[in-house]
Each structure stands twice: as C-alpha cells, then as structure tokens.
Amino acid sequence: MKRNNIITSIFSYAILILVLIVCIFPVVYTVLASFKTNAEILAQPDKLFPTVWSLENYKMAFDSSDFNVGRMLFNSSYYTVLCVCFSIFASTMCAYVFERGEFTGKKVIFTMFSSLMFISLGSITVYPLFDILNIIHLNKSLWGLIVVKMLGIPIVNIYLVKSYIKTLPKELDEAAMMDGCSFIGIFFKVIAPLLKPIVATVALLSFQSSWNEYLMPTIFTMSNPSQRTLMVGVVALKNSGDSAASWNLMLAGATIALVPVLAAYVFFNRYFVSGLTAGAVKG
C-alpha cells in the first residue's frame, strides 16, 4: 500500500512538473530571447540561450519613438487600476445582492446575467460601440474604453464572489440586523471585511485581463498614439526597427510589460488560491 502511494506521488509530481515546464517555457524563452540580436532570433529560433548577452535591445526599445515607456506605463496603469476598481465594486455588490438579497425576480435576473457567459458576439460589437462613443466624443482615447468597461457585467467575478459569500454564515447578518444595521450597512461593516481573499482573486484576474488587453486599446488609440497602452506599444515595436520584423525589440518590450504582471502574482499569490477554492465546498 505504501509503495503504491509512493508511485502515485511520483507520477503526480512528474505530471505537475511537466505542466509547469510547458506553462513557464514561453515566459523563459521571451526573457532570454530579449537579449539576442534579431538576426540570431530569425536564424536560430530553436536556440534557448543567446550566443552573446546584450542589453542593446532594451536601449533601442527605450530610444524608439514608438515606445514612450513612461507615458504608456502611465496609460496602462490608470486604465488597469480603474478597470480593477470597477470590477471589484461591481462584482462584490452584485454578488452580495444576489446571494443575500430577497426581491421579486431575483432568480430570473441572475439567470439572464448568467446567460451572458454563453453569448459571445466577438468583434461584431466593436463598430456599434465605437459609433456610440463617437457621439459623445470618447472614441479616440482610453476613457471611451473605460466607459465601455464600466457598462459591462463581470459575471464570472460575480459568480466567484457569490460562491464565497455563500460560505459565510447568515448568523453574521442576523446579528448585525439586531444591532441596527441596514442591508447595505451589513455589507460594508460585516461582509466586505471578510472578502479579502476573493477580492484579491478578482483583482488579480481583472489586472491580468486589463493589463494584457490589446485589441480594444489598439482600436481606441489608433488615431491618438499618446493614449497607447504598454501592450499596444510592445506590438508596435515589431515594426519600429530597420528590418521588416524586429522581434528582438518586441520581445524586450514584452519582458518589460511582464514585470508588473509577475509582481502582482507574487504579491497576491497567497490570496489567489484560497479565493478560488473558498466557494468550491460549502463548510
């Protein structure tokens, strides 16, 4: 029996290590390739380590007219922060109302919201959104995209928070009501302080999605380069060199853009797993 457990553990760890290698390889390759010349990347794409380590790609990236790091970092930061704050506010409030609230049509409304997870119109919605924002003159900046985000419904995050709130005993609500707390007061004084793990999870998911978003920021900043986000600038680096495709510059820019994401995962990691699994089993 003990031997079988050892074999099972070895097999499990082998699978996990394999999955880890597959997942982390693109990141490692990007970082290492950012120190190569473009000629080496094109001639030997299967080679992992550079022949000669050089910081020239980073110098060229910072000197490029298409890659104003300071400005794009600021654009990405305020865009991401606003999107994260809205996602946290909307998902926690909606989840609390749908889990603890009692009102007519609650199940029907939540079912309608849930159906949004299975409906994807793709890029067909871009033109109508762009046309509407053109009327209010917000179609040429990130603020227009922020407005679009604020009018959206983060249904996946709502599900996560709703499942987490479901694990909290309702006796807490009843005790707060006896002390004179209103429905909203219970949320801010009792429930919200207990949501730290799931809020960290929602924040991390929203941060990753907003920071790495490319298509919509590209469309909304196409005629206004000063509003570009860091990811849009990274892709623009590809064609900013002397060659047709400067992969070395783009990989250097991608490495720069990776740093905030990795830092966020390191900082929120201990909350991330507990937040995702908290609502999996009611206890």
C-alpha atoms as a PDB file:
ATOM      1  CA  MET A   1       0.000   0.000   0.000  1.00  0.00           C
ATOM      2  CA  LYS A   2       2.803   2.377   0.921  1.00  0.00           C
ATOM      3  CA  ARG A   3       4.630   1.509  -2.305  1.00  0.00           C
ATOM      4  CA  ASN A   4       1.525   2.313  -4.336  1.00  0.00           C
ATOM      5  CA  ASN A   5       1.258   5.703  -2.617  1.00  0.00           C
ATOM      6  CA  ILE A   6       4.914   6.466  -3.448  1.00  0.00           C
ATOM      7  CA  ILE A   7       4.400   5.515  -7.120  1.00  0.00           C
ATOM      8  CA  THR A   8       1.236   7.638  -7.280  1.00  0.00           C
ATOM      9  CA  SER A   9       3.044  10.608  -5.736  1.00  0.00           C
ATOM     10  CA  ILE A  10       5.976  10.290  -8.142  1.00  0.00           C
ATOM     11  CA  PHE A  11       3.608  10.088 -11.115  1.00  0.00           C
ATOM     12  CA  SER A  12       1.583  13.099  -9.873  1.00  0.00           C
ATOM     13  CA  TYR A  13       4.683  15.226  -9.327  1.00  0.00           C
ATOM     14  CA  ALA A  14       6.031  14.226 -12.755  1.00  0.00           C
ATOM     15  CA  ILE A  15       2.810  15.397 -14.416  1.00  0.00           C
ATOM     16  CA  LEU A  16       2.815  18.646 -12.417  1.00  0.00           C
ATOM     17  CA  ILE A  17       6.450  19.355 -13.296  1.00  0.00           C
ATOM     18  CA  LEU A  18       5.694  18.706 -16.978  1.00  0.00           C
ATOM     19  CA  VAL A  19       2.734  21.097 -16.878  1.00  0.00           C
ATOM     20  CA  LEU A  20       4.905  23.693 -15.109  1.00  0.00           C
ATOM     21  CA  ILE A  21       7.590  23.439 -17.798  1.00  0.00           C
ATOM     22  CA  VAL A  22       5.014  23.808 -20.587  1.00  0.00           C
ATOM     23  CA  CYS A  23       3.435  26.844 -18.909  1.00  0.00           C
ATOM     24  CA  ILE A  24       6.630  28.645 -17.933  1.00  0.00           C
ATOM     25  CA  PHE A  25       8.612  27.949 -21.114  1.00  0.00           C
ATOM     26  CA  PRO A  26       7.105  30.840 -23.173  1.00  0.00           C
ATOM     27  CA  VAL A  27       7.994  33.296 -20.397  1.00  0.00           C
ATOM     28  CA  VAL A  28      11.555  31.979 -20.087  1.00  0.00           C
ATOM     29  CA  TYR A  29      12.002  31.999 -23.875  1.00  0.00           C
ATOM     30  CA  THR A  30      10.725  35.580 -24.137  1.00  0.00           C
ATOM     31  CA  VAL A  31      13.076  36.843 -21.437  1.00  0.00           C
ATOM     32  CA  LEU A  32      16.133  35.044 -22.821  1.00  0.00           C
ATOM     33  CA  ALA A  33      15.378  35.976 -26.444  1.00  0.00           C
ATOM     34  CA  SER A  34      15.164  39.637 -25.446  1.00  0.00           C
ATOM     35  CA  PHE A  35      18.957  39.547 -25.045  1.00  0.00           C
ATOM     36  CA  LYS A  36      19.526  38.173 -28.577  1.00  0.00           C
ATOM     37  CA  THR A  37      20.032  40.049 -31.829  1.00  0.00           C
ATOM     38  CA  ASN A  38      17.192  39.935 -34.344  1.00  0.00           C
ATOM     39  CA  ALA A  39      19.404  38.001 -36.774  1.00  0.00           C
ATOM     40  CA  GLU A  40      20.045  35.305 -34.157  1.00  0.00           C
ATOM     41  CA  ILE A  41      16.334  35.017 -33.333  1.00  0.00           C
ATOM     42  CA  LEU A  42      15.449  34.533 -37.020  1.00  0.00           C
ATOM     43  CA  ALA A  43      18.404  32.234 -37.806  1.00  0.00           C
ATOM     44  CA  GLN A  44      18.204  30.052 -34.703  1.00  0.00           C
ATOM     45  CA  PRO A  45      14.680  30.318 -33.229  1.00  0.00           C
ATOM     46  CA  ASP A  46      15.041  26.933 -31.506  1.00  0.00           C
ATOM     47  CA  LYS A  47      18.096  28.027 -29.541  1.00  0.00           C
ATOM     48  CA  LEU A  48      17.169  28.980 -25.979  1.00  0.00           C
ATOM     49  CA  PHE A  49      20.194  30.904 -24.692  1.00  0.00           C
ATOM     50  CA  PRO A  50      21.742  33.817 -26.595  1.00  0.00           C
ATOM     51  CA  THR A  51      25.242  33.421 -28.057  1.00  0.00           C
ATOM     52  CA  VAL A  52      26.213  36.841 -26.750  1.00  0.00           C
ATOM     53  CA  TRP A  53      24.229  38.538 -23.989  1.00  0.00           C
ATOM     54  CA  SER A  54      23.410  42.151 -24.817  1.00  0.00           C
ATOM     55  CA  LEU A  55      21.248  44.963 -23.429  1.00  0.00           C
ATOM     56  CA  GLU A  56      21.157  46.686 -26.817  1.00  0.00           C
ATOM     57  CA  ASN A  57      17.542  45.639 -27.425  1.00  0.00           C
ATOM     58  CA  TYR A  58      16.410  47.411 -24.270  1.00  0.00           C
ATOM     59  CA  LYS A  59      18.373  50.537 -25.172  1.00  0.00           C
ATOM     60  CA  MET A  60      16.818  50.570 -28.666  1.00  0.00           C
ATOM     61  CA  ALA A  61      13.357  49.961 -27.234  1.00  0.00           C
ATOM     62  CA  PHE A  62      13.642  52.856 -24.805  1.00  0.00           C
ATOM     63  CA  ASP A  63      15.010  55.116 -27.531  1.00  0.00           C
ATOM     64  CA  SER A  64      12.290  54.164 -30.027  1.00  0.00           C
ATOM     65  CA  SER A  65       9.802  56.905 -30.957  1.00  0.00           C
ATOM     66  CA  ASP A  66       7.050  54.240 -30.913  1.00  0.00           C
ATOM     67  CA  PHE A  67       7.790  53.183 -27.347  1.00  0.00           C
ATOM     68  CA  ASN A  68       7.465  56.011 -24.839  1.00  0.00           C
ATOM     69  CA  VAL A  69       7.753  53.799 -21.762  1.00  0.00           C
ATOM     70  CA  GLY A  70       6.846  56.435 -19.203  1.00  0.00           C
ATOM     71  CA  ARG A  71       3.716  57.605 -20.994  1.00  0.00           C
ATOM     72  CA  MET A  72       2.500  54.118 -21.934  1.00  0.00           C
ATOM     73  CA  LEU A  73       3.192  52.818 -18.441  1.00  0.00           C
ATOM     74  CA  PHE A  74       1.060  55.646 -17.064  1.00  0.00           C
ATOM     75  CA  ASN A  75      -1.729  54.897 -19.581  1.00  0.00           C
ATOM     76  CA  SER A  76      -1.683  51.173 -18.770  1.00  0.00           C
ATOM     77  CA  SER A  77      -1.615  51.893 -15.046  1.00  0.00           C
ATOM     78  CA  TYR A  78      -4.612  54.220 -14.827  1.00  0.00           C
ATOM     79  CA  TYR A  79      -6.590  52.105 -17.302  1.00  0.00           C
ATOM     80  CA  THR A  80      -5.875  48.912 -15.360  1.00  0.00           C
ATOM     81  CA  VAL A  81      -6.456  50.449 -11.927  1.00  0.00           C
ATOM     82  CA  LEU A  82      -9.839  51.887 -12.935  1.00  0.00           C
ATOM     83  CA  CYS A  83     -10.902  48.599 -14.539  1.00  0.00           C
ATOM     84  CA  VAL A  84      -9.833  46.630 -11.445  1.00  0.00           C
ATOM     85  CA  CYS A  85     -11.620  49.010  -9.056  1.00  0.00           C
ATOM     86  CA  PHE A  86     -14.827  48.858 -11.067  1.00  0.00           C
ATOM     87  CA  SER A  87     -14.654  45.074 -11.356  1.00  0.00           C
ATOM     88  CA  ILE A  88     -14.221  44.703  -7.581  1.00  0.00           C
ATOM     89  CA  PHE A  89     -17.021  47.160  -6.797  1.00  0.00           C
ATOM     90  CA  ALA A  90     -19.499  45.712  -9.310  1.00  0.00           C
ATOM     91  CA  SER A  91     -18.777  42.041  -8.596  1.00  0.00           C
ATOM     92  CA  THR A  92     -18.902  42.330  -4.785  1.00  0.00           C
ATOM     93  CA  MET A  93     -22.052  44.461  -4.711  1.00  0.00           C
ATOM     94  CA  CYS A  94     -23.912  42.353  -7.291  1.00  0.00           C
ATOM     95  CA  ALA A  95     -22.822  39.091  -5.666  1.00  0.00           C
ATOM     96  CA  TYR A  96     -23.988  40.277  -2.240  1.00  0.00           C
ATOM     97  CA  VAL A  97     -27.387  41.368  -3.569  1.00  0.00           C
ATOM     98  CA  PHE A  98     -27.948  38.112  -5.461  1.00  0.00           C
ATOM     99  CA  GLU A  99     -26.803  35.921  -2.561  1.00  0.00           C
ATOM    100  CA  ARG A 100     -28.268  37.702   0.461  1.00  0.00           C
ATOM    101  CA  GLY A 101     -30.983  39.882  -1.041  1.00  0.00           C
ATOM    102  CA  GLU A 102     -34.630  38.899  -1.256  1.00  0.00           C
ATOM    103  CA  PHE A 103     -36.602  40.541  -4.046  1.00  0.00           C
ATOM    104  CA  THR A 104     -39.052  39.603  -6.778  1.00  0.00           C
ATOM    105  CA  GLY A 105     -37.441  38.221  -9.912  1.00  0.00           C
ATOM    106  CA  LYS A 106     -34.019  37.629  -8.356  1.00  0.00           C
ATOM    107  CA  LYS A 107     -33.576  34.206  -9.936  1.00  0.00           C
ATOM    108  CA  VAL A 108     -34.801  35.397 -13.329  1.00  0.00           C
ATOM    109  CA  ILE A 109     -32.442  38.397 -13.361  1.00  0.00           C
ATOM    110  CA  PHE A 110     -29.495  36.307 -12.240  1.00  0.00           C
ATOM    111  CA  THR A 111     -30.286  33.704 -14.916  1.00  0.00           C
ATOM    112  CA  MET A 112     -30.310  36.483 -17.527  1.00  0.00           C
ATOM    113  CA  PHE A 113     -26.943  37.733 -16.257  1.00  0.00           C
ATOM    114  CA  SER A 114     -25.567  34.179 -16.242  1.00  0.00           C
ATOM    115  CA  SER A 115     -26.579  33.667 -19.851  1.00  0.00           C
ATOM    116  CA  LEU A 116     -24.063  36.361 -20.801  1.00  0.00           C
ATOM    117  CA  MET A 117     -21.290  33.810 -20.186  1.00  0.00           C
ATOM    118  CA  PHE A 118     -22.586  31.743 -23.111  1.00  0.00           C
ATOM    119  CA  ILE A 119     -23.111  34.621 -25.549  1.00  0.00           C
ATOM    120  CA  SER A 120     -20.125  35.957 -27.440  1.00  0.00           C
ATOM    121  CA  LEU A 121     -20.646  38.263 -30.400  1.00  0.00           C
ATOM    122  CA  GLY A 122     -16.919  38.817 -30.819  1.00  0.00           C
ATOM    123  CA  SER A 123     -15.673  41.746 -32.867  1.00  0.00           C
ATOM    124  CA  ILE A 124     -19.130  42.440 -34.333  1.00  0.00           C
ATOM    125  CA  THR A 125     -19.853  44.691 -31.344  1.00  0.00           C
ATOM    126  CA  VAL A 126     -16.785  46.890 -31.869  1.00  0.00           C
ATOM    127  CA  TYR A 127     -18.270  49.155 -34.547  1.00  0.00           C
ATOM    128  CA  PRO A 128     -21.562  49.906 -32.676  1.00  0.00           C
ATOM    129  CA  LEU A 129     -19.574  50.711 -29.511  1.00  0.00           C
ATOM    130  CA  PHE A 130     -17.201  52.907 -31.468  1.00  0.00           C
ATOM    131  CA  ASP A 131     -20.124  54.664 -33.152  1.00  0.00           C
ATOM    132  CA  ILE A 132     -21.909  55.353 -29.858  1.00  0.00           C
ATOM    133  CA  LEU A 133     -18.761  56.702 -28.225  1.00  0.00           C
ATOM    134  CA  ASN A 134     -18.165  58.877 -31.272  1.00  0.00           C
ATOM    135  CA  ILE A 135     -21.393  60.737 -30.442  1.00  0.00           C
ATOM    136  CA  ILE A 136     -20.048  61.680 -27.006  1.00  0.00           C
ATOM    137  CA  HIS A 137     -16.516  62.278 -28.388  1.00  0.00           C
ATOM    138  CA  LEU A 138     -14.860  59.472 -26.436  1.00  0.00           C
ATOM    139  CA  ASN A 139     -13.855  57.260 -29.352  1.00  0.00           C
ATOM    140  CA  LYS A 140     -10.220  58.398 -29.521  1.00  0.00           C
ATOM    141  CA  SER A 141      -8.978  57.764 -26.007  1.00  0.00           C
ATOM    142  CA  LEU A 142      -8.775  55.145 -23.299  1.00  0.00           C
ATOM    143  CA  TRP A 143     -11.564  56.923 -21.426  1.00  0.00           C
ATOM    144  CA  GLY A 144     -14.018  55.677 -24.031  1.00  0.00           C
ATOM    145  CA  LEU A 145     -12.882  52.125 -23.419  1.00  0.00           C
ATOM    146  CA  ILE A 146     -13.120  52.661 -19.661  1.00  0.00           C
ATOM    147  CA  VAL A 147     -16.749  53.776 -20.105  1.00  0.00           C
ATOM    148  CA  VAL A 148     -17.431  50.582 -22.074  1.00  0.00           C
ATOM    149  CA  LYS A 149     -15.876  48.501 -19.282  1.00  0.00           C
ATOM    150  CA  MET A 150     -17.965  50.253 -16.631  1.00  0.00           C
ATOM    151  CA  LEU A 151     -21.146  49.439 -18.549  1.00  0.00           C
ATOM    152  CA  GLY A 152     -20.238  45.752 -18.676  1.00  0.00           C
ATOM    153  CA  ILE A 153     -21.256  42.981 -16.284  1.00  0.00           C
ATOM    154  CA  PRO A 154     -18.342  40.947 -14.813  1.00  0.00           C
ATOM    155  CA  ILE A 155     -20.463  37.829 -14.490  1.00  0.00           C
ATOM    156  CA  VAL A 156     -17.558  35.401 -13.876  1.00  0.00           C
ATOM    157  CA  ASN A 157     -16.294  37.527 -10.988  1.00  0.00           C
ATOM    158  CA  ILE A 158     -19.848  37.822  -9.653  1.00  0.00           C
ATOM    159  CA  TYR A 159     -20.070  34.025  -9.589  1.00  0.00           C
ATOM    160  CA  LEU A 160     -16.775  33.774  -7.707  1.00  0.00           C
ATOM    161  CA  VAL A 161     -17.769  36.318  -5.057  1.00  0.00           C
ATOM    162  CA  LYS A 162     -21.307  34.928  -4.762  1.00  0.00           C
ATOM    163  CA  SER A 163     -19.907  31.445  -4.057  1.00  0.00           C
ATOM    164  CA  TYR A 164     -17.585  32.912  -1.432  1.00  0.00           C
ATOM    165  CA  ILE A 165     -20.368  34.867   0.313  1.00  0.00           C
ATOM    166  CA  LYS A 166     -22.440  31.674   0.369  1.00  0.00           C
ATOM    167  CA  THR A 167     -19.846  30.114   2.694  1.00  0.00           C
ATOM    168  CA  LEU A 168     -20.239  32.916   5.247  1.00  0.00           C
ATOM    169  CA  PRO A 169     -22.766  32.087   7.996  1.00  0.00           C
ATOM    170  CA  LYS A 170     -26.029  34.027   7.786  1.00  0.00           C
ATOM    171  CA  GLU A 171     -25.929  34.392  11.565  1.00  0.00           C
ATOM    172  CA  LEU A 172     -23.487  37.254  10.987  1.00  0.00           C
ATOM    173  CA  ASP A 173     -26.167  39.122   9.041  1.00  0.00           C
ATOM    174  CA  GLU A 174     -28.807  38.409  11.663  1.00  0.00           C
ATOM    175  CA  ALA A 175     -26.569  39.624  14.493  1.00  0.00           C
ATOM    176  CA  ALA A 176     -25.795  42.820  12.582  1.00  0.00           C
ATOM    177  CA  MET A 177     -29.508  43.406  11.912  1.00  0.00           C
ATOM    178  CA  MET A 178     -30.232  43.076  15.617  1.00  0.00           C
ATOM    179  CA  ASP A 179     -27.641  45.791  16.209  1.00  0.00           C
ATOM    180  CA  GLY A 180     -29.491  48.082  13.821  1.00  0.00           C
ATOM    181  CA  CYS A 181     -27.507  47.597  10.577  1.00  0.00           C
ATOM    182  CA  SER A 182     -29.328  48.043   7.302  1.00  0.00           C
ATOM    183  CA  PHE A 183     -28.892  45.717   4.316  1.00  0.00           C
ATOM    184  CA  ILE A 184     -26.179  47.982   2.867  1.00  0.00           C
ATOM    185  CA  GLY A 185     -24.655  48.519   6.309  1.00  0.00           C
ATOM    186  CA  ILE A 186     -24.264  44.746   6.763  1.00  0.00           C
ATOM    187  CA  PHE A 187     -22.310  44.582   3.508  1.00  0.00           C
ATOM    188  CA  PHE A 188     -19.851  47.362   4.347  1.00  0.00           C
ATOM    189  CA  LYS A 189     -19.436  46.597   8.055  1.00  0.00           C
ATOM    190  CA  VAL A 190     -19.667  42.802   8.161  1.00  0.00           C
ATOM    191  CA  ILE A 191     -19.386  41.110   4.771  1.00  0.00           C
ATOM    192  CA  ALA A 192     -16.870  43.321   2.948  1.00  0.00           C
ATOM    193  CA  PRO A 193     -14.078  42.910   5.558  1.00  0.00           C
ATOM    194  CA  LEU A 194     -14.374  39.125   5.166  1.00  0.00           C
ATOM    195  CA  LEU A 195     -13.992  39.204   1.380  1.00  0.00           C
ATOM    196  CA  LYS A 196     -10.241  39.905   1.254  1.00  0.00           C
ATOM    197  CA  PRO A 197      -9.193  36.558  -0.326  1.00  0.00           C
ATOM    198  CA  ILE A 198     -11.828  36.626  -3.068  1.00  0.00           C
ATOM    199  CA  VAL A 199     -11.348  40.369  -3.675  1.00  0.00           C
ATOM    200  CA  ALA A 200      -7.628  39.692  -4.180  1.00  0.00           C
ATOM    201  CA  THR A 201      -8.526  36.943  -6.652  1.00  0.00           C
ATOM    202  CA  VAL A 202     -10.908  39.214  -8.582  1.00  0.00           C
ATOM    203  CA  ALA A 203      -8.324  42.000  -8.547  1.00  0.00           C
ATOM    204  CA  LEU A 204      -5.627  39.704  -9.911  1.00  0.00           C
ATOM    205  CA  LEU A 205      -7.844  38.301 -12.676  1.00  0.00           C
ATOM    206  CA  SER A 206      -9.016  41.790 -13.649  1.00  0.00           C
ATOM    207  CA  PHE A 207      -5.464  43.144 -13.529  1.00  0.00           C
ATOM    208  CA  GLN A 208      -4.168  40.401 -15.808  1.00  0.00           C
ATOM    209  CA  SER A 209      -7.036  40.851 -18.275  1.00  0.00           C
ATOM    210  CA  SER A 210      -6.831  44.659 -18.428  1.00  0.00           C
ATOM    211  CA  TRP A 211      -3.034  44.928 -18.455  1.00  0.00           C
ATOM    212  CA  ASN A 212      -2.639  42.405 -21.293  1.00  0.00           C
ATOM    213  CA  GLU A 213      -5.575  43.639 -23.388  1.00  0.00           C
ATOM    214  CA  TYR A 214      -4.505  44.540 -26.904  1.00  0.00           C
ATOM    215  CA  LEU A 215      -7.312  44.655 -29.490  1.00  0.00           C
ATOM    216  CA  MET A 216      -9.675  47.225 -27.945  1.00  0.00           C
ATOM    217  CA  PRO A 217      -6.947  49.636 -26.726  1.00  0.00           C
ATOM    218  CA  THR A 218      -5.434  49.479 -30.222  1.00  0.00           C
ATOM    219  CA  ILE A 219      -8.735  50.416 -31.858  1.00  0.00           C
ATOM    220  CA  PHE A 220      -9.486  53.227 -29.427  1.00  0.00           C
ATOM    221  CA  THR A 221      -5.995  54.752 -29.584  1.00  0.00           C
ATOM    222  CA  MET A 222      -5.278  54.223 -33.276  1.00  0.00           C
ATOM    223  CA  SER A 223      -5.569  57.929 -34.105  1.00  0.00           C
ATOM    224  CA  ASN A 224      -4.159  59.067 -30.755  1.00  0.00           C
ATOM    225  CA  PRO A 225      -0.737  57.430 -30.123  1.00  0.00           C
ATOM    226  CA  SER A 226      -0.259  59.360 -26.876  1.00  0.00           C
ATOM    227  CA  GLN A 227      -3.051  57.234 -25.379  1.00  0.00           C
ATOM    228  CA  ARG A 228      -1.427  53.898 -26.223  1.00  0.00           C
ATOM    229  CA  THR A 229      -1.085  51.292 -23.508  1.00  0.00           C
ATOM    230  CA  LEU A 230       2.122  49.371 -22.914  1.00  0.00           C
ATOM    231  CA  MET A 231       0.905  46.240 -24.728  1.00  0.00           C
ATOM    232  CA  VAL A 232      -0.060  48.259 -27.808  1.00  0.00           C
ATOM    233  CA  GLY A 233       3.390  49.860 -27.775  1.00  0.00           C
ATOM    234  CA  VAL A 234       5.075  46.451 -27.438  1.00  0.00           C
ATOM    235  CA  VAL A 235       3.482  45.194 -30.658  1.00  0.00           C
ATOM    236  CA  ALA A 236       4.307  48.496 -32.393  1.00  0.00           C
ATOM    237  CA  LEU A 237       7.985  47.820 -31.591  1.00  0.00           C
ATOM    238  CA  LYS A 238       7.901  44.888 -34.003  1.00  0.00           C
ATOM    239  CA  ASN A 239       7.981  47.246 -36.987  1.00  0.00           C
ATOM    240  CA  SER A 240       9.987  50.082 -35.454  1.00  0.00           C
ATOM    241  CA  GLY A 241      13.452  48.826 -36.362  1.00  0.00           C
ATOM    242  CA  ASP A 242      15.365  48.695 -39.618  1.00  0.00           C
ATOM    243  CA  SER A 243      14.144  45.227 -40.517  1.00  0.00           C
ATOM    244  CA  ALA A 244      10.648  44.173 -41.520  1.00  0.00           C
ATOM    245  CA  ALA A 245      10.008  42.481 -38.199  1.00  0.00           C
ATOM    246  CA  SER A 246      12.107  43.496 -35.179  1.00  0.00           C
ATOM    247  CA  TRP A 247      11.282  40.567 -32.921  1.00  0.00           C
ATOM    248  CA  ASN A 248      14.204  41.422 -30.651  1.00  0.00           C
ATOM    249  CA  LEU A 249      12.683  44.811 -29.795  1.00  0.00           C
ATOM    250  CA  MET A 250       9.202  43.375 -29.344  1.00  0.00           C
ATOM    251  CA  LEU A 251      10.495  40.663 -27.015  1.00  0.00           C
ATOM    252  CA  ALA A 252      12.403  43.269 -24.995  1.00  0.00           C
ATOM    253  CA  GLY A 253       9.213  45.321 -24.694  1.00  0.00           C
ATOM    254  CA  ALA A 254       7.232  42.205 -23.769  1.00  0.00           C
ATOM    255  CA  THR A 255       9.715  41.462 -20.993  1.00  0.00           C
ATOM    256  CA  ILE A 256       9.256  44.985 -19.634  1.00  0.00           C
ATOM    257  CA  ALA A 257       5.470  44.510 -19.736  1.00  0.00           C
ATOM    258  CA  LEU A 258       5.780  41.148 -17.946  1.00  0.00           C
ATOM    259  CA  VAL A 259       7.342  42.616 -14.813  1.00  0.00           C
ATOM    260  CA  PRO A 260       4.164  44.223 -13.328  1.00  0.00           C
ATOM    261  CA  VAL A 261       2.108  41.080 -14.004  1.00  0.00           C
ATOM    262  CA  LEU A 262       4.651  38.790 -12.340  1.00  0.00           C
ATOM    263  CA  ALA A 263       4.957  41.198  -9.411  1.00  0.00           C
ATOM    264  CA  ALA A 264       1.165  41.197  -8.977  1.00  0.00           C
ATOM    265  CA  TYR A 265       1.046  37.389  -8.965  1.00  0.00           C
ATOM    266  CA  VAL A 266       3.845  37.181  -6.413  1.00  0.00           C
ATOM    267  CA  PHE A 267       2.124  39.711  -4.150  1.00  0.00           C
ATOM    268  CA  PHE A 268      -1.419  38.254  -4.383  1.00  0.00           C
ATOM    269  CA  ASN A 269      -0.492  34.585  -4.758  1.00  0.00           C
ATOM    270  CA  ARG A 270      -1.347  33.566  -1.176  1.00  0.00           C
ATOM    271  CA  TYR A 271      -4.843  35.034  -1.563  1.00  0.00           C
ATOM    272  CA  PHE A 272      -5.389  33.803  -5.111  1.00  0.00           C
ATOM    273  CA  VAL A 273      -5.684  30.058  -4.475  1.00  0.00           C
ATOM    274  CA  SER A 274      -7.719  30.439  -1.268  1.00  0.00           C
ATOM    275  CA  GLY A 275     -10.052  32.845  -3.052  1.00  0.00           C
ATOM    276  CA  LEU A 276     -10.693  30.481  -5.953  1.00  0.00           C
ATOM    277  CA  THR A 277     -11.252  27.420  -3.757  1.00  0.00           C
ATOM    278  CA  ALA A 278     -13.178  29.062  -0.909  1.00  0.00           C
ATOM    279  CA  GLY A 279     -16.556  28.685  -2.555  1.00  0.00           C
ATOM    280  CA  ALA A 280     -15.888  25.265  -4.052  1.00  0.00           C
ATOM    281  CA  VAL A 281     -17.112  23.390  -0.960  1.00  0.00           C
ATOM    282  CA  LYS A 282     -19.595  24.876   1.448  1.00  0.00           C
ATOM    283  CA  GLY A 283     -18.470  24.407   5.027  1.00  0.00           C
END
